[in-house]
Amino acid sequence: MATAGPTSGQSASELIDERIAGLKDWRGATLRRMRKLIHEAVPDVVEEWKWMGTPVWSAGGILCTGESYKDKVKLTFLKGASLPDPAKLFNSSLDGNARRAIDIAEGEEVDAQAFKALIQAAAALNAPGAKAKPKRAK
């Protein structure tokens, strides 16, 4: 697993491990599961630690970030508005021109296959020569 992170001696992957371990409730289990699905979808994904403590997964550019809040785990796709989402996983940040997010509350489980397809689509969009889908007129 490739990592890119701070110069404090810990890799980004180690910092993400610590974040997940520190979330001693459903949020840790949820973030752990989503991280595993990201690695299954894009095995050479790079883990990064940015913006004062945000887990980031990249492949040719940022795929998504993983944040934990009191009532949810949020996975934000920086180019989400350009990704196909036939399973309608995106349920947050829907009004923006670029980002889309998946908010996961306690007891919710995201469809693994649909999520991995989103991750793979994000990686394909970051590939050299890829073009974003045209924006629809409002």
Protein backbone atom coordinates (compact mmCIF):
# COMPACT_ATOMS: atom_id res chain seq x y z
CA MET A 1 0.00 0.00 0.00
CA ALA A 2 1.55 3.29 -1.05
CA THR A 3 1.43 6.18 1.36
CA ALA A 4 2.17 9.84 1.32
CA GLY A 5 1.99 11.82 4.50
CA PRO A 6 3.55 14.04 7.07
CA THR A 7 7.20 14.20 7.97
CA SER A 8 6.55 13.40 11.66
CA GLY A 9 7.86 9.89 11.17
CA GLN A 10 4.46 8.25 10.86
CA SER A 11 3.09 7.29 7.48
CA ALA A 12 -0.34 8.44 6.37
CA SER A 13 -1.52 4.83 6.65
CA GLU A 14 -0.37 4.68 10.28
CA LEU A 15 -2.18 7.93 11.04
CA ILE A 16 -5.34 6.62 9.41
CA ASP A 17 -4.99 3.41 11.46
CA GLU A 18 -4.79 5.56 14.60
CA ARG A 19 -7.82 7.62 13.58
CA ILE A 20 -9.89 4.49 13.01
CA ALA A 21 -8.72 2.93 16.30
CA GLY A 22 -9.55 6.16 18.12
CA LEU A 23 -13.14 6.00 16.91
CA LYS A 24 -14.24 3.32 19.34
CA ASP A 25 -17.80 3.15 18.07
CA TRP A 26 -19.68 2.50 14.84
CA ARG A 27 -17.79 5.31 13.09
CA GLY A 28 -14.48 3.46 13.36
CA ALA A 29 -16.02 0.27 12.01
CA THR A 30 -17.64 2.20 9.17
CA LEU A 31 -14.45 4.05 8.20
CA ARG A 32 -12.48 0.77 8.39
CA ARG A 33 -14.96 -0.94 6.04
CA MET A 34 -14.97 1.92 3.54
CA ARG A 35 -11.15 2.04 3.55
CA LYS A 36 -11.06 -1.70 2.83
CA LEU A 37 -13.48 -1.27 -0.08
CA ILE A 38 -11.34 1.56 -1.49
CA HIS A 39 -8.29 -0.71 -1.44
CA GLU A 40 -10.24 -3.54 -3.07
CA ALA A 41 -11.46 -1.21 -5.83
CA VAL A 42 -8.06 0.39 -6.54
CA PRO A 43 -5.31 -1.80 -5.06
CA ASP A 44 -2.54 0.75 -5.73
CA VAL A 45 -4.41 3.62 -4.07
CA VAL A 46 -2.22 6.10 -2.17
CA GLU A 47 -3.19 7.05 1.36
CA GLU A 48 -2.51 10.62 2.42
CA TRP A 49 -3.04 12.69 5.55
CA LYS A 50 -4.04 16.28 4.71
CA TRP A 51 -5.73 19.36 6.02
CA MET A 52 -4.85 18.95 9.69
CA GLY A 53 -5.92 15.34 9.97
CA THR A 54 -8.12 14.22 7.10
CA PRO A 55 -7.62 10.77 5.56
CA VAL A 56 -7.36 11.07 1.77
CA TRP A 57 -7.23 8.35 -0.87
CA SER A 58 -5.63 9.17 -4.23
CA ALA A 59 -4.86 7.59 -7.57
CA GLY A 60 -3.64 10.09 -10.14
CA GLY A 61 -5.36 12.73 -8.00
CA ILE A 62 -7.70 12.72 -5.04
CA LEU A 63 -10.45 10.09 -5.15
CA CYS A 64 -12.12 10.89 -1.85
CA THR A 65 -11.62 12.03 1.70
CA GLY A 66 -12.90 10.28 4.82
CA GLU A 67 -14.13 12.36 7.70
CA SER A 68 -15.85 11.40 10.91
CA TYR A 69 -18.39 13.55 12.71
CA LYS A 70 -20.50 12.94 15.79
CA ASP A 71 -23.43 11.60 13.76
CA LYS A 72 -21.88 10.41 10.49
CA VAL A 73 -18.92 9.30 8.45
CA LYS A 74 -18.57 11.45 5.33
CA LEU A 75 -16.79 10.35 2.16
CA THR A 76 -16.32 13.34 -0.13
CA PHE A 77 -15.45 12.84 -3.79
CA LEU A 78 -13.76 15.96 -5.13
CA LYS A 79 -14.93 15.26 -8.70
CA GLY A 80 -18.16 13.55 -7.68
CA ALA A 81 -20.39 15.68 -9.90
CA SER A 82 -18.59 14.17 -12.90
CA LEU A 83 -19.08 10.55 -11.80
CA PRO A 84 -21.90 8.21 -12.75
CA ASP A 85 -23.93 7.24 -9.68
CA PRO A 86 -26.63 4.82 -10.85
CA ALA A 87 -27.06 3.42 -7.31
CA LYS A 88 -27.62 6.97 -5.99
CA LEU A 89 -25.00 6.66 -3.24
CA PHE A 90 -24.32 10.40 -3.20
CA ASN A 91 -26.62 11.94 -0.62
CA SER A 92 -24.76 15.11 0.39
CA SER A 93 -23.13 18.15 -1.25
CA LEU A 94 -25.44 17.65 -4.21
CA ASP A 95 -25.72 21.32 -5.18
CA GLY A 96 -22.05 21.96 -5.90
CA ASN A 97 -20.43 22.03 -9.31
CA ALA A 98 -17.70 19.53 -8.47
CA ARG A 99 -17.97 17.71 -5.13
CA ARG A 100 -20.41 15.05 -4.04
CA ALA A 101 -20.44 13.16 -0.75
CA ILE A 102 -21.81 10.07 0.88
CA ASP A 103 -22.95 10.59 4.46
CA ILE A 104 -23.21 7.33 6.39
CA ALA A 105 -25.18 7.37 9.64
CA GLU A 106 -25.14 4.77 12.38
CA GLY A 107 -26.77 1.55 11.21
CA GLU A 108 -26.50 2.39 7.50
CA GLU A 109 -24.48 0.21 5.18
CA VAL A 110 -23.32 1.38 1.77
CA ASP A 111 -23.64 -1.12 -1.10
CA ALA A 112 -20.10 -2.47 -1.52
CA GLN A 113 -20.24 -3.10 -5.27
CA ALA A 114 -21.77 0.30 -6.05
CA PHE A 115 -19.20 2.04 -3.85
CA LYS A 116 -16.29 0.23 -5.47
CA ALA A 117 -17.67 1.20 -8.89
CA LEU A 118 -17.66 4.87 -7.77
CA ILE A 119 -14.06 4.58 -6.57
CA GLN A 120 -13.01 2.96 -9.84
CA ALA A 121 -14.82 5.66 -11.84
CA ALA A 122 -13.05 8.34 -9.80
CA ALA A 123 -9.69 6.71 -10.52
CA ALA A 124 -10.53 6.48 -14.22
CA LEU A 125 -11.47 10.17 -14.24
CA ASN A 126 -8.06 11.00 -12.74
CA ALA A 127 -6.23 8.96 -15.38
CA PRO A 128 -4.15 10.89 -17.91
CA GLY A 129 -6.27 11.96 -20.86
CA ALA A 130 -9.60 11.39 -19.08
CA LYS A 131 -12.27 14.01 -19.51
CA ALA A 132 -15.03 14.94 -17.11
CA LYS A 133 -18.55 14.42 -18.36
CA PRO A 134 -20.13 17.64 -19.59
CA LYS A 135 -22.21 19.53 -17.05
CA ARG A 136 -25.93 19.48 -17.60
CA ALA A 137 -27.73 22.78 -18.11
CA LYS A 138 -29.89 23.82 -15.18
